Structures are given as C-alpha cells and as structure tokens.
Amino acid sequence: MKKVAFQLVLAVAALALTLPVLAKSPKPSADAKAKTVTMNFFNAAELGGTKINPGTYKVVIGSDKLTVENGNKVIASVSGHWEDRKQKMNTTGFSSDNGQIKEVFVEGDTNVFVLGQS
C-alpha cells in the first residue's frame, strides 16, 4: 500500500511539473507594454483633429491610445487598436490620407496601430 501511495505521489508531482511546460502560454498582445518611438514629421499632419507641425516628436503607443509628445507636453492623443500585418515593418512611420494620420507602424513589428475604433 505504501508503494502504491508513493507512486501516486510521484505521478502527481511529475504531472504538476509537466503541466506548465505543456500549457500554451497566451501570446503576448501587442499592447502588453507601451511602445515609445521617436518620429520625424517632415510635413504637417493631423492626428485626431490636432495639427502636428513638422518636427521631431516622441510617440507613445499603448494598448488603445496613441500620444504624441514634445518634451513633456502632450501635443495630441487619439484612440485606436492594434492589427497584425503578418509582415515585419522595415521602418518606423505612419500612413496618412490627405494629411490625416490613419495608422502608425514601428520598425521590426508585425503589428500596426490603426487610429479609430475597431
């Protein structure tokens, strides 16, 4: 009886040690950590109704919000969401339509931050 109980305890212990290895950890979402990049705006652009003049800005992209900062001053902030493009971006920048920024991408990421609601 002791031998069976000992084997049972060993089996449970082995299972307890094996489960974390077998369990698929959730894919870290693109928004798990805010991304901070420096972006050069060579032309004026509009972000969420705010005009951004040419210059160099800090862009902080969180899970559902993008903020453009100049020093410690917030210039513009807009909501959005992440989308997977399945291909790594080869540069950091944004796409726009008539000067209105539509999405922001970061070099090396497969995800882009799309402005507006999902």
N, C-alpha and C. Protein backbone atom coordinates (compact mmCIF):
# COMPACT_ATOMS: atom_id res chain seq x y z
N MET A 1 0.82 -1.19 0.00
CA MET A 1 0.00 0.00 0.00
C MET A 1 0.87 1.26 0.00
N LYS A 2 1.97 1.24 0.79
CA LYS A 2 2.85 2.40 0.83
C LYS A 2 3.51 2.64 -0.52
N LYS A 3 3.85 1.53 -1.21
CA LYS A 3 4.50 1.65 -2.51
C LYS A 3 3.54 2.29 -3.52
N VAL A 4 2.27 1.89 -3.51
CA VAL A 4 1.27 2.46 -4.42
C VAL A 4 1.05 3.94 -4.11
N ALA A 5 0.96 4.27 -2.83
CA ALA A 5 0.76 5.66 -2.43
C ALA A 5 1.97 6.50 -2.85
N PHE A 6 3.17 5.97 -2.70
CA PHE A 6 4.39 6.68 -3.08
C PHE A 6 4.41 6.91 -4.59
N GLN A 7 4.03 5.87 -5.38
CA GLN A 7 4.00 6.01 -6.83
C GLN A 7 2.95 7.04 -7.26
N LEU A 8 1.83 7.05 -6.56
CA LEU A 8 0.78 8.02 -6.86
C LEU A 8 1.27 9.45 -6.59
N VAL A 9 1.96 9.64 -5.48
CA VAL A 9 2.51 10.96 -5.15
C VAL A 9 3.54 11.37 -6.20
N LEU A 10 4.38 10.44 -6.63
CA LEU A 10 5.36 10.75 -7.67
C LEU A 10 4.67 11.11 -9.00
N ALA A 11 3.62 10.39 -9.33
CA ALA A 11 2.91 10.66 -10.58
C ALA A 11 2.26 12.04 -10.54
N VAL A 12 1.65 12.39 -9.43
CA VAL A 12 1.02 13.71 -9.29
C VAL A 12 2.08 14.80 -9.34
N ALA A 13 3.21 14.58 -8.69
CA ALA A 13 4.29 15.57 -8.70
C ALA A 13 4.83 15.75 -10.12
N ALA A 14 5.02 14.65 -10.83
CA ALA A 14 5.52 14.73 -12.20
C ALA A 14 4.52 15.47 -13.09
N LEU A 15 3.24 15.20 -12.90
CA LEU A 15 2.21 15.88 -13.67
C LEU A 15 2.20 17.38 -13.36
N ALA A 16 2.34 17.71 -12.09
CA ALA A 16 2.35 19.12 -11.69
C ALA A 16 3.54 19.86 -12.28
N LEU A 17 4.66 19.19 -12.42
CA LEU A 17 5.84 19.82 -13.02
C LEU A 17 5.74 19.89 -14.54
N THR A 18 4.99 18.97 -15.15
CA THR A 18 4.88 18.91 -16.60
C THR A 18 3.83 19.86 -17.15
N LEU A 19 2.75 20.09 -16.44
CA LEU A 19 1.65 20.91 -16.95
C LEU A 19 2.07 22.31 -17.37
N PRO A 20 2.87 23.01 -16.58
CA PRO A 20 3.25 24.35 -17.04
C PRO A 20 4.04 24.34 -18.35
N VAL A 21 4.78 23.28 -18.59
CA VAL A 21 5.54 23.18 -19.83
C VAL A 21 4.61 22.91 -21.01
N LEU A 22 3.60 22.09 -20.77
CA LEU A 22 2.67 21.73 -21.84
C LEU A 22 1.64 22.81 -22.12
N ALA A 23 1.31 23.57 -21.12
CA ALA A 23 0.30 24.61 -21.29
C ALA A 23 0.83 25.67 -22.23
N LYS A 24 0.00 26.06 -23.18
CA LYS A 24 0.40 27.10 -24.13
C LYS A 24 0.19 28.44 -23.47
N SER A 25 1.26 29.17 -23.30
CA SER A 25 1.12 30.49 -22.70
C SER A 25 0.46 31.40 -23.71
N PRO A 26 -0.37 32.31 -23.23
CA PRO A 26 -1.04 33.20 -24.17
C PRO A 26 -0.03 34.07 -24.89
N LYS A 27 -0.31 34.31 -26.16
CA LYS A 27 0.57 35.17 -26.95
C LYS A 27 0.54 36.56 -26.36
N PRO A 28 1.71 37.12 -26.08
CA PRO A 28 1.69 38.49 -25.55
C PRO A 28 1.07 39.41 -26.58
N SER A 29 0.12 40.17 -26.15
CA SER A 29 -0.56 41.07 -27.07
C SER A 29 0.34 42.24 -27.42
N ALA A 30 0.03 42.85 -28.51
CA ALA A 30 0.82 43.98 -28.95
C ALA A 30 0.77 45.11 -27.95
N ASP A 31 -0.26 45.11 -27.14
CA ASP A 31 -0.45 46.20 -26.21
C ASP A 31 0.02 45.87 -24.80
N ALA A 32 0.74 44.76 -24.64
CA ALA A 32 1.17 44.38 -23.30
C ALA A 32 2.05 45.46 -22.68
N LYS A 33 2.78 46.15 -23.49
CA LYS A 33 3.67 47.19 -22.99
C LYS A 33 3.64 48.35 -23.98
N ALA A 34 3.58 49.55 -23.47
CA ALA A 34 3.55 50.72 -24.35
C ALA A 34 4.86 50.80 -25.13
N LYS A 35 4.75 51.15 -26.38
CA LYS A 35 5.93 51.34 -27.23
C LYS A 35 6.20 52.84 -27.33
N THR A 36 7.43 53.22 -27.19
CA THR A 36 7.83 54.62 -27.31
C THR A 36 8.85 54.73 -28.43
N VAL A 37 8.56 55.58 -29.41
CA VAL A 37 9.46 55.78 -30.54
C VAL A 37 9.61 57.27 -30.81
N THR A 38 10.68 57.63 -31.44
CA THR A 38 10.89 59.00 -31.90
C THR A 38 10.55 59.04 -33.38
N MET A 39 9.71 59.99 -33.75
CA MET A 39 9.30 60.11 -35.14
C MET A 39 9.55 61.52 -35.66
N ASN A 40 10.03 61.58 -36.89
CA ASN A 40 10.21 62.86 -37.57
C ASN A 40 9.01 63.11 -38.47
N PHE A 41 8.38 64.23 -38.28
CA PHE A 41 7.28 64.66 -39.15
C PHE A 41 7.87 65.69 -40.10
N PHE A 42 8.00 65.32 -41.38
CA PHE A 42 8.61 66.21 -42.35
C PHE A 42 7.60 67.21 -42.91
N ASN A 43 6.32 66.85 -42.82
CA ASN A 43 5.24 67.73 -43.26
C ASN A 43 4.21 67.79 -42.14
N ALA A 44 3.40 68.82 -42.16
CA ALA A 44 2.33 68.92 -41.17
C ALA A 44 1.37 67.75 -41.37
N ALA A 45 0.84 67.26 -40.27
CA ALA A 45 -0.12 66.15 -40.32
C ALA A 45 -1.20 66.42 -39.29
N GLU A 46 -2.31 65.70 -39.41
CA GLU A 46 -3.40 65.85 -38.46
C GLU A 46 -3.62 64.53 -37.74
N LEU A 47 -3.76 64.62 -36.43
CA LEU A 47 -3.98 63.44 -35.61
C LEU A 47 -5.14 63.72 -34.67
N GLY A 48 -6.26 63.07 -34.94
CA GLY A 48 -7.43 63.25 -34.08
C GLY A 48 -7.90 64.68 -33.99
N GLY A 49 -7.83 65.40 -35.08
CA GLY A 49 -8.29 66.78 -35.10
C GLY A 49 -7.24 67.80 -34.68
N THR A 50 -6.05 67.34 -34.30
CA THR A 50 -4.97 68.24 -33.87
C THR A 50 -3.90 68.29 -34.95
N LYS A 51 -3.53 69.51 -35.35
CA LYS A 51 -2.47 69.68 -36.34
C LYS A 51 -1.12 69.49 -35.67
N ILE A 52 -0.29 68.67 -36.29
CA ILE A 52 1.07 68.45 -35.80
C ILE A 52 2.01 69.07 -36.82
N ASN A 53 2.77 70.05 -36.38
CA ASN A 53 3.70 70.74 -37.26
C ASN A 53 4.94 69.88 -37.51
N PRO A 54 5.67 70.16 -38.59
CA PRO A 54 6.90 69.41 -38.84
C PRO A 54 7.84 69.51 -37.64
N GLY A 55 8.52 68.41 -37.36
CA GLY A 55 9.45 68.37 -36.25
C GLY A 55 9.66 66.94 -35.77
N THR A 56 10.40 66.80 -34.69
CA THR A 56 10.68 65.50 -34.10
C THR A 56 9.88 65.37 -32.81
N TYR A 57 9.16 64.27 -32.68
CA TYR A 57 8.27 64.07 -31.54
C TYR A 57 8.46 62.68 -30.95
N LYS A 58 8.09 62.57 -29.68
CA LYS A 58 8.05 61.27 -29.03
C LYS A 58 6.62 60.75 -29.20
N VAL A 59 6.50 59.51 -29.69
CA VAL A 59 5.19 58.89 -29.89
C VAL A 59 5.10 57.70 -28.95
N VAL A 60 4.08 57.70 -28.11
CA VAL A 60 3.86 56.61 -27.16
C VAL A 60 2.59 55.89 -27.59
N ILE A 61 2.72 54.59 -27.85
CA ILE A 61 1.58 53.79 -28.31
C ILE A 61 1.28 52.73 -27.26
N GLY A 62 0.11 52.84 -26.66
CA GLY A 62 -0.32 51.87 -25.65
C GLY A 62 -1.28 50.86 -26.24
N SER A 63 -2.07 50.26 -25.39
CA SER A 63 -2.99 49.22 -25.84
C SER A 63 -4.12 49.79 -26.69
N ASP A 64 -4.59 50.97 -26.36
CA ASP A 64 -5.72 51.53 -27.10
C ASP A 64 -5.62 53.04 -27.28
N LYS A 65 -4.40 53.58 -27.11
CA LYS A 65 -4.23 55.03 -27.23
C LYS A 65 -2.83 55.36 -27.75
N LEU A 66 -2.77 56.35 -28.62
CA LEU A 66 -1.52 56.86 -29.14
C LEU A 66 -1.39 58.31 -28.71
N THR A 67 -0.22 58.66 -28.21
CA THR A 67 0.03 60.02 -27.74
C THR A 67 1.28 60.56 -28.42
N VAL A 68 1.21 61.79 -28.90
CA VAL A 68 2.36 62.48 -29.48
C VAL A 68 2.79 63.54 -28.48
N GLU A 69 4.07 63.51 -28.11
CA GLU A 69 4.59 64.43 -27.11
C GLU A 69 5.77 65.22 -27.65
N ASN A 70 5.88 66.46 -27.17
CA ASN A 70 7.03 67.31 -27.46
C ASN A 70 7.62 67.67 -26.12
N GLY A 71 8.71 67.02 -25.76
CA GLY A 71 9.24 67.16 -24.40
C GLY A 71 8.26 66.49 -23.45
N ASN A 72 7.81 67.20 -22.44
CA ASN A 72 6.82 66.66 -21.50
C ASN A 72 5.40 67.11 -21.83
N LYS A 73 5.25 67.82 -22.93
CA LYS A 73 3.93 68.35 -23.30
C LYS A 73 3.25 67.42 -24.31
N VAL A 74 2.01 67.03 -24.00
CA VAL A 74 1.22 66.20 -24.91
C VAL A 74 0.66 67.10 -26.01
N ILE A 75 0.99 66.78 -27.24
CA ILE A 75 0.54 67.55 -28.39
C ILE A 75 -0.81 67.03 -28.88
N ALA A 76 -0.93 65.70 -28.96
CA ALA A 76 -2.16 65.08 -29.45
C ALA A 76 -2.29 63.69 -28.86
N SER A 77 -3.53 63.25 -28.73
CA SER A 77 -3.82 61.91 -28.22
C SER A 77 -5.06 61.40 -28.92
N VAL A 78 -5.03 60.13 -29.33
CA VAL A 78 -6.15 59.55 -30.06
C VAL A 78 -6.25 58.06 -29.74
N SER A 79 -7.47 57.54 -29.77
CA SER A 79 -7.67 56.11 -29.51
C SER A 79 -7.49 55.31 -30.80
N GLY A 80 -7.29 54.02 -30.62
CA GLY A 80 -7.12 53.13 -31.77
C GLY A 80 -6.98 51.70 -31.31
N HIS A 81 -6.51 50.86 -32.20
CA HIS A 81 -6.33 49.44 -31.88
C HIS A 81 -5.19 48.87 -32.72
N TRP A 82 -4.68 47.73 -32.28
CA TRP A 82 -3.59 47.05 -32.97
C TRP A 82 -4.15 46.06 -33.98
N GLU A 83 -3.49 45.95 -35.12
CA GLU A 83 -3.81 44.94 -36.13
C GLU A 83 -2.52 44.28 -36.57
N ASP A 84 -2.59 42.97 -36.78
CA ASP A 84 -1.42 42.21 -37.22
C ASP A 84 -1.35 42.21 -38.74
N ARG A 85 -0.20 42.59 -39.27
CA ARG A 85 0.00 42.62 -40.72
C ARG A 85 0.80 41.40 -41.21
N LYS A 86 1.23 40.55 -40.28
CA LYS A 86 1.94 39.30 -40.58
C LYS A 86 3.26 39.52 -41.33
N GLN A 87 3.72 40.73 -41.36
CA GLN A 87 4.99 41.04 -42.02
C GLN A 87 5.67 42.14 -41.23
N LYS A 88 6.96 41.95 -40.96
CA LYS A 88 7.69 42.95 -40.18
C LYS A 88 7.83 44.24 -40.98
N MET A 89 7.65 45.35 -40.29
CA MET A 89 7.82 46.65 -40.91
C MET A 89 9.32 46.94 -41.03
N ASN A 90 9.72 47.54 -42.12
CA ASN A 90 11.15 47.82 -42.30
C ASN A 90 11.52 49.25 -41.92
N THR A 91 10.55 50.00 -41.41
CA THR A 91 10.80 51.37 -40.98
C THR A 91 9.74 51.78 -39.94
N THR A 92 10.00 52.87 -39.26
CA THR A 92 9.02 53.43 -38.34
C THR A 92 8.40 54.64 -39.01
N GLY A 93 7.07 54.73 -38.98
CA GLY A 93 6.40 55.85 -39.62
C GLY A 93 4.90 55.75 -39.52
N PHE A 94 4.24 56.42 -40.43
CA PHE A 94 2.78 56.39 -40.42
C PHE A 94 2.26 56.49 -41.84
N SER A 95 1.03 56.07 -42.03
CA SER A 95 0.37 56.27 -43.30
C SER A 95 -0.73 57.30 -43.07
N SER A 96 -0.99 58.09 -44.10
CA SER A 96 -1.99 59.15 -43.95
C SER A 96 -2.80 59.26 -45.22
N ASP A 97 -3.92 59.93 -45.08
CA ASP A 97 -4.81 60.21 -46.20
C ASP A 97 -5.16 61.69 -46.13
N ASN A 98 -4.71 62.48 -47.11
CA ASN A 98 -4.92 63.92 -47.12
C ASN A 98 -4.41 64.58 -45.84
N GLY A 99 -3.26 64.11 -45.34
CA GLY A 99 -2.66 64.70 -44.15
C GLY A 99 -3.19 64.15 -42.84
N GLN A 100 -4.25 63.35 -42.88
CA GLN A 100 -4.84 62.75 -41.68
C GLN A 100 -4.16 61.40 -41.44
N ILE A 101 -3.50 61.25 -40.28
CA ILE A 101 -2.81 60.00 -39.96
C ILE A 101 -3.84 58.90 -39.75
N LYS A 102 -3.62 57.77 -40.40
CA LYS A 102 -4.55 56.63 -40.33
C LYS A 102 -3.99 55.47 -39.51
N GLU A 103 -2.66 55.22 -39.62
CA GLU A 103 -2.04 54.14 -38.87
C GLU A 103 -0.56 54.45 -38.64
N VAL A 104 -0.03 53.87 -37.57
CA VAL A 104 1.37 54.08 -37.19
C VAL A 104 2.03 52.71 -37.10
N PHE A 105 3.24 52.61 -37.65
CA PHE A 105 3.95 51.34 -37.61
C PHE A 105 5.36 51.56 -37.07
N VAL A 106 5.89 50.49 -36.45
CA VAL A 106 7.19 50.54 -35.81
C VAL A 106 8.10 49.50 -36.45
N GLU A 107 9.31 49.90 -36.80
CA GLU A 107 10.27 49.01 -37.43
C GLU A 107 10.45 47.73 -36.63
N GLY A 108 10.39 46.60 -37.31
CA GLY A 108 10.59 45.30 -36.68
C GLY A 108 9.33 44.66 -36.13
N ASP A 109 8.22 45.40 -36.05
CA ASP A 109 6.97 44.85 -35.55
C ASP A 109 6.10 44.38 -36.71
N THR A 110 5.28 43.38 -36.45
CA THR A 110 4.31 42.94 -37.45
C THR A 110 2.97 43.62 -37.22
N ASN A 111 2.81 44.24 -36.07
CA ASN A 111 1.56 44.93 -35.74
C ASN A 111 1.64 46.40 -36.10
N VAL A 112 0.50 46.95 -36.50
CA VAL A 112 0.39 48.39 -36.73
C VAL A 112 -0.72 48.91 -35.84
N PHE A 113 -0.60 50.16 -35.43
CA PHE A 113 -1.63 50.80 -34.60
C PHE A 113 -2.54 51.58 -35.54
N VAL A 114 -3.80 51.14 -35.62
CA VAL A 114 -4.78 51.78 -36.50
C VAL A 114 -5.61 52.76 -35.68
N LEU A 115 -5.65 54.00 -36.12
CA LEU A 115 -6.38 55.02 -35.39
C LEU A 115 -7.88 54.87 -35.61
N GLY A 116 -8.65 55.12 -34.58
CA GLY A 116 -10.09 54.99 -34.65
C GLY A 116 -10.54 53.71 -33.98
N GLN A 117 -11.84 53.47 -33.98
CA GLN A 117 -12.41 52.30 -33.33
C GLN A 117 -12.24 51.06 -34.20
N SER A 118 -12.23 49.88 -33.53
CA SER A 118 -12.09 48.62 -34.26
C SER A 118 -13.38 48.19 -34.91
